[in-house]
Amino acid sequence: MSEIHDSRMNPDETMVYQIRIKGHVDDQWNDWFGGVTITLEADGNTLLTCQIVDQAALHGLLRKIRDLGMPLISANRIDAGHVDEPDANS
């Protein structure tokens, strides 16, 4: 399998991800996720916004989501300067 490298990426730069999962998680999970902003959306989904230092950390977070048994809807890397704020009307 070939690996694609983006020469514009700085390997020392923290990446920001928005991960959407089906269902709402309780506030009790804030500590378990550690450093993740949890937004409960009006459509019944949960948006996790987090800074990830590397791919191993991303996979660790995805394992936690899997362990909750909640379906993963999406995982998107976003430009740190363009983090979408949750729509208050959602």
PDB file of N, CA and C in Angstrom:
ATOM      1  N   MET A   1       0.846  -1.172   0.000  1.00  0.00           N
ATOM      2  CA  MET A   1       0.000   0.000   0.000  1.00  0.00           C
ATOM      3  C   MET A   1       0.888   1.231   0.000  1.00  0.00           C
ATOM      4  N   SER A   2       0.580   2.191  -0.835  1.00  0.00           N
ATOM      5  CA  SER A   2       1.396   3.396  -0.888  1.00  0.00           C
ATOM      6  C   SER A   2       0.917   4.391   0.149  1.00  0.00           C
ATOM      7  N   GLU A   3       1.835   5.234   0.564  1.00  0.00           N
ATOM      8  CA  GLU A   3       1.522   6.238   1.565  1.00  0.00           C
ATOM      9  C   GLU A   3       1.633   7.601   0.918  1.00  0.00           C
ATOM     10  N   ILE A   4       0.662   8.460   1.150  1.00  0.00           N
ATOM     11  CA  ILE A   4       0.657   9.795   0.563  1.00  0.00           C
ATOM     12  C   ILE A   4       1.079  10.779   1.635  1.00  0.00           C
ATOM     13  N   HIS A   5       2.058  11.596   1.319  1.00  0.00           N
ATOM     14  CA  HIS A   5       2.540  12.615   2.257  1.00  0.00           C
ATOM     15  C   HIS A   5       2.176  13.988   1.724  1.00  0.00           C
ATOM     16  N   ASP A   6       1.740  14.844   2.601  1.00  0.00           N
ATOM     17  CA  ASP A   6       1.449  16.225   2.248  1.00  0.00           C
ATOM     18  C   ASP A   6       2.629  17.056   2.717  1.00  0.00           C
ATOM     19  N   SER A   7       3.406  17.566   1.797  1.00  0.00           N
ATOM     20  CA  SER A   7       4.611  18.306   2.150  1.00  0.00           C
ATOM     21  C   SER A   7       4.308  19.614   2.869  1.00  0.00           C
ATOM     22  N   ARG A   8       3.058  20.057   2.851  1.00  0.00           N
ATOM     23  CA  ARG A   8       2.685  21.289   3.547  1.00  0.00           C
ATOM     24  C   ARG A   8       2.478  21.061   5.032  1.00  0.00           C
ATOM     25  N   MET A   9       2.336  19.810   5.458  1.00  0.00           N
ATOM     26  CA  MET A   9       2.091  19.503   6.867  1.00  0.00           C
ATOM     27  C   MET A   9       3.373  19.581   7.664  1.00  0.00           C
ATOM     28  N   ASN A  10       3.312  20.220   8.798  1.00  0.00           N
ATOM     29  CA  ASN A  10       4.425  20.268   9.726  1.00  0.00           C
ATOM     30  C   ASN A  10       4.204  19.130  10.718  1.00  0.00           C
ATOM     31  N   PRO A  11       5.133  18.175  10.800  1.00  0.00           N
ATOM     32  CA  PRO A  11       4.913  17.032  11.685  1.00  0.00           C
ATOM     33  C   PRO A  11       4.824  17.411  13.158  1.00  0.00           C
ATOM     34  N   ASP A  12       5.306  18.612  13.520  1.00  0.00           N
ATOM     35  CA  ASP A  12       5.242  19.052  14.914  1.00  0.00           C
ATOM     36  C   ASP A  12       3.941  19.789  15.224  1.00  0.00           C
ATOM     37  N   GLU A  13       3.116  19.999  14.204  1.00  0.00           N
ATOM     38  CA  GLU A  13       1.885  20.759  14.365  1.00  0.00           C
ATOM     39  C   GLU A  13       0.754  19.856  14.834  1.00  0.00           C
ATOM     40  N   THR A  14       0.021  20.304  15.844  1.00  0.00           N
ATOM     41  CA  THR A  14      -1.138  19.570  16.327  1.00  0.00           C
ATOM     42  C   THR A  14      -2.266  19.700  15.313  1.00  0.00           C
ATOM     43  N   MET A  15      -2.961  18.597  15.074  1.00  0.00           N
ATOM     44  CA  MET A  15      -4.074  18.588  14.134  1.00  0.00           C
ATOM     45  C   MET A  15      -5.386  18.686  14.912  1.00  0.00           C
ATOM     46  N   VAL A  16      -6.377  19.308  14.307  1.00  0.00           N
ATOM     47  CA  VAL A  16      -7.696  19.420  14.916  1.00  0.00           C
ATOM     48  C   VAL A  16      -8.642  18.522  14.131  1.00  0.00           C
ATOM     49  N   TYR A  17      -9.395  17.709  14.865  1.00  0.00           N
ATOM     50  CA  TYR A  17     -10.376  16.810  14.253  1.00  0.00           C
ATOM     51  C   TYR A  17     -11.752  17.093  14.823  1.00  0.00           C
ATOM     52  N   GLN A  18     -12.752  16.930  13.978  1.00  0.00           N
ATOM     53  CA  GLN A  18     -14.140  16.921  14.415  1.00  0.00           C
ATOM     54  C   GLN A  18     -14.673  15.534  14.096  1.00  0.00           C
ATOM     55  N   ILE A  19     -15.114  14.860  15.140  1.00  0.00           N
ATOM     56  CA  ILE A  19     -15.599  13.490  15.011  1.00  0.00           C
ATOM     57  C   ILE A  19     -17.059  13.479  15.430  1.00  0.00           C
ATOM     58  N   ARG A  20     -17.902  12.974  14.555  1.00  0.00           N
ATOM     59  CA  ARG A  20     -19.340  12.938  14.827  1.00  0.00           C
ATOM     60  C   ARG A  20     -19.744  11.490  15.067  1.00  0.00           C
ATOM     61  N   ILE A  21     -20.482  11.280  16.168  1.00  0.00           N
ATOM     62  CA  ILE A  21     -20.968   9.943  16.490  1.00  0.00           C
ATOM     63  C   ILE A  21     -22.481   9.984  16.667  1.00  0.00           C
ATOM     64  N   LYS A  22     -23.101   8.850  16.390  1.00  0.00           N
ATOM     65  CA  LYS A  22     -24.559   8.752  16.489  1.00  0.00           C
ATOM     66  C   LYS A  22     -24.942   8.595  17.958  1.00  0.00           C
ATOM     67  N   GLY A  23     -25.863   9.417  18.399  1.00  0.00           N
ATOM     68  CA  GLY A  23     -26.326   9.378  19.785  1.00  0.00           C
ATOM     69  C   GLY A  23     -25.640  10.430  20.632  1.00  0.00           C
ATOM     70  N   HIS A  24     -26.213  10.669  21.784  1.00  0.00           N
ATOM     71  CA  HIS A  24     -25.636  11.618  22.733  1.00  0.00           C
ATOM     72  C   HIS A  24     -24.845  10.880  23.794  1.00  0.00           C
ATOM     73  N   VAL A  25     -23.731  11.479  24.213  1.00  0.00           N
ATOM     74  CA  VAL A  25     -22.974  10.944  25.339  1.00  0.00           C
ATOM     75  C   VAL A  25     -23.238  11.833  26.548  1.00  0.00           C
ATOM     76  N   ASP A  26     -23.278  11.235  27.717  1.00  0.00           N
ATOM     77  CA  ASP A  26     -23.498  11.984  28.952  1.00  0.00           C
ATOM     78  C   ASP A  26     -22.257  12.785  29.321  1.00  0.00           C
ATOM     79  N   ASP A  27     -22.452  13.807  30.169  1.00  0.00           N
ATOM     80  CA  ASP A  27     -21.339  14.630  30.647  1.00  0.00           C
ATOM     81  C   ASP A  27     -20.286  13.795  31.381  1.00  0.00           C
ATOM     82  N   GLN A  28     -20.679  12.647  31.908  1.00  0.00           N
ATOM     83  CA  GLN A  28     -19.747  11.803  32.648  1.00  0.00           C
ATOM     84  C   GLN A  28     -18.572  11.341  31.775  1.00  0.00           C
ATOM     85  N   TRP A  29     -18.708  11.406  30.462  1.00  0.00           N
ATOM     86  CA  TRP A  29     -17.663  10.942  29.555  1.00  0.00           C
ATOM     87  C   TRP A  29     -16.614  12.001  29.274  1.00  0.00           C
ATOM     88  N   ASN A  30     -16.807  13.247  29.747  1.00  0.00           N
ATOM     89  CA  ASN A  30     -15.829  14.317  29.514  1.00  0.00           C
ATOM     90  C   ASN A  30     -14.430  13.914  29.966  1.00  0.00           C
ATOM     91  N   ASP A  31     -14.310  13.407  31.172  1.00  0.00           N
ATOM     92  CA  ASP A  31     -13.000  13.018  31.696  1.00  0.00           C
ATOM     93  C   ASP A  31     -12.425  11.834  30.923  1.00  0.00           C
ATOM     94  N   TRP A  32     -13.272  10.888  30.544  1.00  0.00           N
ATOM     95  CA  TRP A  32     -12.811   9.686  29.854  1.00  0.00           C
ATOM     96  C   TRP A  32     -12.204  10.032  28.492  1.00  0.00           C
ATOM     97  N   PHE A  33     -12.840  10.971  27.780  1.00  0.00           N
ATOM     98  CA  PHE A  33     -12.303  11.387  26.491  1.00  0.00           C
ATOM     99  C   PHE A  33     -11.071  12.269  26.651  1.00  0.00           C
ATOM    100  N   GLY A  34     -10.986  13.031  27.720  1.00  0.00           N
ATOM    101  CA  GLY A  34      -9.816  13.841  28.017  1.00  0.00           C
ATOM    102  C   GLY A  34      -9.470  14.897  26.971  1.00  0.00           C
ATOM    103  N   GLY A  35      -9.729  16.153  27.271  1.00  0.00           N
ATOM    104  CA  GLY A  35      -9.345  17.242  26.392  1.00  0.00           C
ATOM    105  C   GLY A  35     -10.170  17.381  25.128  1.00  0.00           C
ATOM    106  N   VAL A  36     -11.332  16.782  25.101  1.00  0.00           N
ATOM    107  CA  VAL A  36     -12.199  16.821  23.929  1.00  0.00           C
ATOM    108  C   VAL A  36     -13.402  17.704  24.249  1.00  0.00           C
ATOM    109  N   THR A  37     -13.751  18.592  23.323  1.00  0.00           N
ATOM    110  CA  THR A  37     -14.962  19.390  23.476  1.00  0.00           C
ATOM    111  C   THR A  37     -16.128  18.561  22.955  1.00  0.00           C
ATOM    112  N   ILE A  38     -17.110  18.337  23.818  1.00  0.00           N
ATOM    113  CA  ILE A  38     -18.270  17.523  23.462  1.00  0.00           C
ATOM    114  C   ILE A  38     -19.459  18.444  23.241  1.00  0.00           C
ATOM    115  N   THR A  39     -20.039  18.365  22.041  1.00  0.00           N
ATOM    116  CA  THR A  39     -21.211  19.168  21.699  1.00  0.00           C
ATOM    117  C   THR A  39     -22.354  18.221  21.361  1.00  0.00           C
ATOM    118  N   LEU A  40     -23.433  18.314  22.117  1.00  0.00           N
ATOM    119  CA  LEU A  40     -24.626  17.511  21.830  1.00  0.00           C
ATOM    120  C   LEU A  40     -25.456  18.268  20.805  1.00  0.00           C
ATOM    121  N   GLU A  41     -25.686  17.641  19.669  1.00  0.00           N
ATOM    122  CA  GLU A  41     -26.400  18.296  18.578  1.00  0.00           C
ATOM    123  C   GLU A  41     -27.896  17.997  18.665  1.00  0.00           C
ATOM    124  N   ALA A  42     -28.690  18.915  18.138  1.00  0.00           N
ATOM    125  CA  ALA A  42     -30.143  18.797  18.203  1.00  0.00           C
ATOM    126  C   ALA A  42     -30.668  17.574  17.459  1.00  0.00           C
ATOM    127  N   ASP A  43     -29.907  17.085  16.478  1.00  0.00           N
ATOM    128  CA  ASP A  43     -30.360  15.924  15.702  1.00  0.00           C
ATOM    129  C   ASP A  43     -30.087  14.598  16.409  1.00  0.00           C
ATOM    130  N   GLY A  44     -29.588  14.669  17.649  1.00  0.00           N
ATOM    131  CA  GLY A  44     -29.344  13.456  18.418  1.00  0.00           C
ATOM    132  C   GLY A  44     -27.925  12.928  18.312  1.00  0.00           C
ATOM    133  N   ASN A  45     -27.073  13.590  17.542  1.00  0.00           N
ATOM    134  CA  ASN A  45     -25.689  13.171  17.404  1.00  0.00           C
ATOM    135  C   ASN A  45     -24.785  13.953  18.346  1.00  0.00           C
ATOM    136  N   THR A  46     -23.553  13.495  18.482  1.00  0.00           N
ATOM    137  CA  THR A  46     -22.561  14.163  19.316  1.00  0.00           C
ATOM    138  C   THR A  46     -21.379  14.545  18.443  1.00  0.00           C
ATOM    139  N   LEU A  47     -20.905  15.780  18.589  1.00  0.00           N
ATOM    140  CA  LEU A  47     -19.728  16.257  17.883  1.00  0.00           C
ATOM    141  C   LEU A  47     -18.589  16.371  18.888  1.00  0.00           C
ATOM    142  N   LEU A  48     -17.487  15.680  18.608  1.00  0.00           N
ATOM    143  CA  LEU A  48     -16.285  15.761  19.423  1.00  0.00           C
ATOM    144  C   LEU A  48     -15.271  16.593  18.650  1.00  0.00           C
ATOM    145  N   THR A  49     -14.782  17.660  19.242  1.00  0.00           N
ATOM    146  CA  THR A  49     -13.750  18.489  18.628  1.00  0.00           C
ATOM    147  C   THR A  49     -12.516  18.379  19.495  1.00  0.00           C
ATOM    148  N   CYS A  50     -11.384  18.016  18.867  1.00  0.00           N
ATOM    149  CA  CYS A  50     -10.192  17.755  19.674  1.00  0.00           C
ATOM    150  C   CYS A  50      -8.922  18.031  18.892  1.00  0.00           C
ATOM    151  N   GLN A  51      -7.873  18.331  19.645  1.00  0.00           N
ATOM    152  CA  GLN A  51      -6.539  18.470  19.075  1.00  0.00           C
ATOM    153  C   GLN A  51      -5.854  17.124  19.209  1.00  0.00           C
ATOM    154  N   ILE A  52      -5.282  16.672  18.114  1.00  0.00           N
ATOM    155  CA  ILE A  52      -4.641  15.362  18.066  1.00  0.00           C
ATOM    156  C   ILE A  52      -3.176  15.575  17.712  1.00  0.00           C
ATOM    157  N   VAL A  53      -2.271  14.983  18.492  1.00  0.00           N
ATOM    158  CA  VAL A  53      -0.845  15.195  18.255  1.00  0.00           C
ATOM    159  C   VAL A  53      -0.284  14.311  17.152  1.00  0.00           C
ATOM    160  N   ASP A  54      -0.875  13.132  16.934  1.00  0.00           N
ATOM    161  CA  ASP A  54      -0.377  12.237  15.887  1.00  0.00           C
ATOM    162  C   ASP A  54      -1.433  11.179  15.577  1.00  0.00           C
ATOM    163  N   GLN A  55      -1.139  10.339  14.592  1.00  0.00           N
ATOM    164  CA  GLN A  55      -2.089   9.315  14.175  1.00  0.00           C
ATOM    165  C   GLN A  55      -2.364   8.300  15.281  1.00  0.00           C
ATOM    166  N   ALA A  56      -1.371   7.999  16.100  1.00  0.00           N
ATOM    167  CA  ALA A  56      -1.590   7.051  17.201  1.00  0.00           C
ATOM    168  C   ALA A  56      -2.632   7.591  18.171  1.00  0.00           C
ATOM    169  N   ALA A  57      -2.588   8.892  18.462  1.00  0.00           N
ATOM    170  CA  ALA A  57      -3.577   9.502  19.350  1.00  0.00           C
ATOM    171  C   ALA A  57      -4.963   9.469  18.716  1.00  0.00           C
ATOM    172  N   LEU A  58      -5.038   9.696  17.412  1.00  0.00           N
ATOM    173  CA  LEU A  58      -6.321   9.631  16.708  1.00  0.00           C
ATOM    174  C   LEU A  58      -6.905   8.229  16.804  1.00  0.00           C
ATOM    175  N   HIS A  59      -6.084   7.230  16.562  1.00  0.00           N
ATOM    176  CA  HIS A  59      -6.569   5.848  16.639  1.00  0.00           C
ATOM    177  C   HIS A  59      -6.994   5.496  18.065  1.00  0.00           C
ATOM    178  N   GLY A  60      -6.296   6.029  19.050  1.00  0.00           N
ATOM    179  CA  GLY A  60      -6.692   5.801  20.442  1.00  0.00           C
ATOM    180  C   GLY A  60      -8.067   6.379  20.737  1.00  0.00           C
ATOM    181  N   LEU A  61      -8.333   7.578  20.236  1.00  0.00           N
ATOM    182  CA  LEU A  61      -9.645   8.198  20.433  1.00  0.00           C
ATOM    183  C   LEU A  61     -10.722   7.402  19.702  1.00  0.00           C
ATOM    184  N   LEU A  62     -10.424   6.955  18.496  1.00  0.00           N
ATOM    185  CA  LEU A  62     -11.401   6.155  17.742  1.00  0.00           C
ATOM    186  C   LEU A  62     -11.679   4.824  18.444  1.00  0.00           C
ATOM    187  N   ARG A  63     -10.680   4.259  19.103  1.00  0.00           N
ATOM    188  CA  ARG A  63     -10.903   3.023  19.888  1.00  0.00           C
ATOM    189  C   ARG A  63     -11.854   3.291  21.046  1.00  0.00           C
ATOM    190  N   LYS A  64     -11.709   4.442  21.689  1.00  0.00           N
ATOM    191  CA  LYS A  64     -12.612   4.784  22.789  1.00  0.00           C
ATOM    192  C   LYS A  64     -14.056   4.881  22.289  1.00  0.00           C
ATOM    193  N   ILE A  65     -14.228   5.485  21.120  1.00  0.00           N
ATOM    194  CA  ILE A  65     -15.572   5.595  20.536  1.00  0.00           C
ATOM    195  C   ILE A  65     -16.116   4.203  20.231  1.00  0.00           C
ATOM    196  N   ARG A  66     -15.276   3.359  19.667  1.00  0.00           N
ATOM    197  CA  ARG A  66     -15.688   1.976  19.371  1.00  0.00           C
ATOM    198  C   ARG A  66     -16.088   1.267  20.666  1.00  0.00           C
ATOM    199  N   ASP A  67     -15.307   1.456  21.724  1.00  0.00           N
ATOM    200  CA  ASP A  67     -15.584   0.793  22.992  1.00  0.00           C
ATOM    201  C   ASP A  67     -16.909   1.237  23.609  1.00  0.00           C
ATOM    202  N   LEU A  68     -17.346   2.455  23.289  1.00  0.00           N
ATOM    203  CA  LEU A  68     -18.655   2.922  23.752  1.00  0.00           C
ATOM    204  C   LEU A  68     -19.786   2.223  23.008  1.00  0.00           C
ATOM    205  N   GLY A  69     -19.475   1.660  21.846  1.00  0.00           N
ATOM    206  CA  GLY A  69     -20.494   1.001  21.033  1.00  0.00           C
ATOM    207  C   GLY A  69     -21.352   1.972  20.259  1.00  0.00           C
ATOM    208  N   MET A  70     -20.871   3.209  20.095  1.00  0.00           N
ATOM    209  CA  MET A  70     -21.639   4.212  19.367  1.00  0.00           C
ATOM    210  C   MET A  70     -21.146   4.274  17.926  1.00  0.00           C
ATOM    211  N   PRO A  71     -22.068   4.260  16.960  1.00  0.00           N
ATOM    212  CA  PRO A  71     -21.665   4.301  15.549  1.00  0.00           C
ATOM    213  C   PRO A  71     -20.943   5.604  15.186  1.00  0.00           C
ATOM    214  N   LEU A  72     -19.836   5.477  14.487  1.00  0.00           N
ATOM    215  CA  LEU A  72     -19.074   6.612  13.983  1.00  0.00           C
ATOM    216  C   LEU A  72     -19.742   7.114  12.707  1.00  0.00           C
ATOM    217  N   ILE A  73     -20.043   8.399  12.665  1.00  0.00           N
ATOM    218  CA  ILE A  73     -20.640   8.997  11.474  1.00  0.00           C
ATOM    219  C   ILE A  73     -19.550   9.582  10.579  1.00  0.00           C
ATOM    220  N   SER A  74     -18.636  10.363  11.183  1.00  0.00           N
ATOM    221  CA  SER A  74     -17.567  10.962  10.389  1.00  0.00           C
ATOM    222  C   SER A  74     -16.402  11.349  11.280  1.00  0.00           C
ATOM    223  N   ALA A  75     -15.229  11.439  10.670  1.00  0.00           N
ATOM    224  CA  ALA A  75     -14.023  11.941  11.323  1.00  0.00           C
ATOM    225  C   ALA A  75     -13.328  12.812  10.296  1.00  0.00           C
ATOM    226  N   ASN A  76     -13.232  14.102  10.581  1.00  0.00           N
ATOM    227  CA  ASN A  76     -12.680  15.056   9.623  1.00  0.00           C
ATOM    228  C   ASN A  76     -11.581  15.890  10.244  1.00  0.00           C
ATOM    229  N   ARG A  77     -10.452  15.943   9.548  1.00  0.00           N
ATOM    230  CA  ARG A  77      -9.379  16.840   9.956  1.00  0.00           C
ATOM    231  C   ARG A  77      -9.725  18.206   9.409  1.00  0.00           C
ATOM    232  N   ILE A  78      -9.614  19.220  10.257  1.00  0.00           N
ATOM    233  CA  ILE A  78      -9.981  20.564   9.835  1.00  0.00           C
ATOM    234  C   ILE A  78      -8.818  21.513  10.088  1.00  0.00           C
ATOM    235  N   ASP A  79      -8.835  22.610   9.386  1.00  0.00           N
ATOM    236  CA  ASP A  79      -7.852  23.661   9.585  1.00  0.00           C
ATOM    237  C   ASP A  79      -8.136  24.297  10.943  1.00  0.00           C
ATOM    238  N   ALA A  80      -7.131  24.358  11.802  1.00  0.00           N
ATOM    239  CA  ALA A  80      -7.314  24.879  13.161  1.00  0.00           C
ATOM    240  C   ALA A  80      -7.895  26.286  13.163  1.00  0.00           C
ATOM    241  N   GLY A  81      -7.649  27.060  12.120  1.00  0.00           N
ATOM    242  CA  GLY A  81      -8.182  28.415  12.035  1.00  0.00           C
ATOM    243  C   GLY A  81      -9.613  28.478  11.569  1.00  0.00           C
ATOM    244  N   HIS A  82     -10.170  27.320  11.184  1.00  0.00           N
ATOM    245  CA  HIS A  82     -11.532  27.288  10.651  1.00  0.00           C
ATOM    246  C   HIS A  82     -12.407  26.282  11.375  1.00  0.00           C
ATOM    247  N   VAL A  83     -12.268  26.203  12.681  1.00  0.00           N
ATOM    248  CA  VAL A  83     -13.095  25.268  13.451  1.00  0.00           C
ATOM    249  C   VAL A  83     -14.524  25.766  13.416  1.00  0.00           C
ATOM    250  N   ASP A  84     -15.419  24.899  12.925  1.00  0.00           N
ATOM    251  CA  ASP A  84     -16.847  25.268  12.856  1.00  0.00           C
ATOM    252  C   ASP A  84     -17.432  25.269  14.249  1.00  0.00           C
ATOM    253  N   GLU A  85     -18.075  26.356  14.586  1.00  0.00           N
ATOM    254  CA  GLU A  85     -18.793  26.418  15.850  1.00  0.00           C
ATOM    255  C   GLU A  85     -20.132  25.746  15.633  1.00  0.00           C
ATOM    256  N   PRO A  86     -20.591  24.977  16.606  1.00  0.00           N
ATOM    257  CA  PRO A  86     -21.902  24.355  16.465  1.00  0.00           C
ATOM    258  C   PRO A  86     -22.978  25.419  16.284  1.00  0.00           C
ATOM    259  N   ASP A  87     -23.902  25.134  15.399  1.00  0.00           N
ATOM    260  CA  ASP A  87     -25.003  26.048  15.121  1.00  0.00           C
ATOM    261  C   ASP A  87     -25.975  26.018  16.292  1.00  0.00           C
ATOM    262  N   ALA A  88     -26.203  27.170  16.887  1.00  0.00           N
ATOM    263  CA  ALA A  88     -27.083  27.254  18.050  1.00  0.00           C
ATOM    264  C   ALA A  88     -28.504  26.839  17.695  1.00  0.00           C
ATOM    265  N   ASN A  89     -28.853  26.886  16.409  1.00  0.00           N
ATOM    266  CA  ASN A  89     -30.203  26.539  15.992  1.00  0.00           C
ATOM    267  C   ASN A  89     -30.329  25.088  15.559  1.00  0.00           C
ATOM    268  N   SER A  90     -29.244  24.323  15.642  1.00  0.00           N
ATOM    269  CA  SER A  90     -29.306  22.913  15.212  1.00  0.00           C
ATOM    270  C   SER A  90     -30.091  22.082  16.174  1.00  0.00           C
TER     271      SER A  90
END
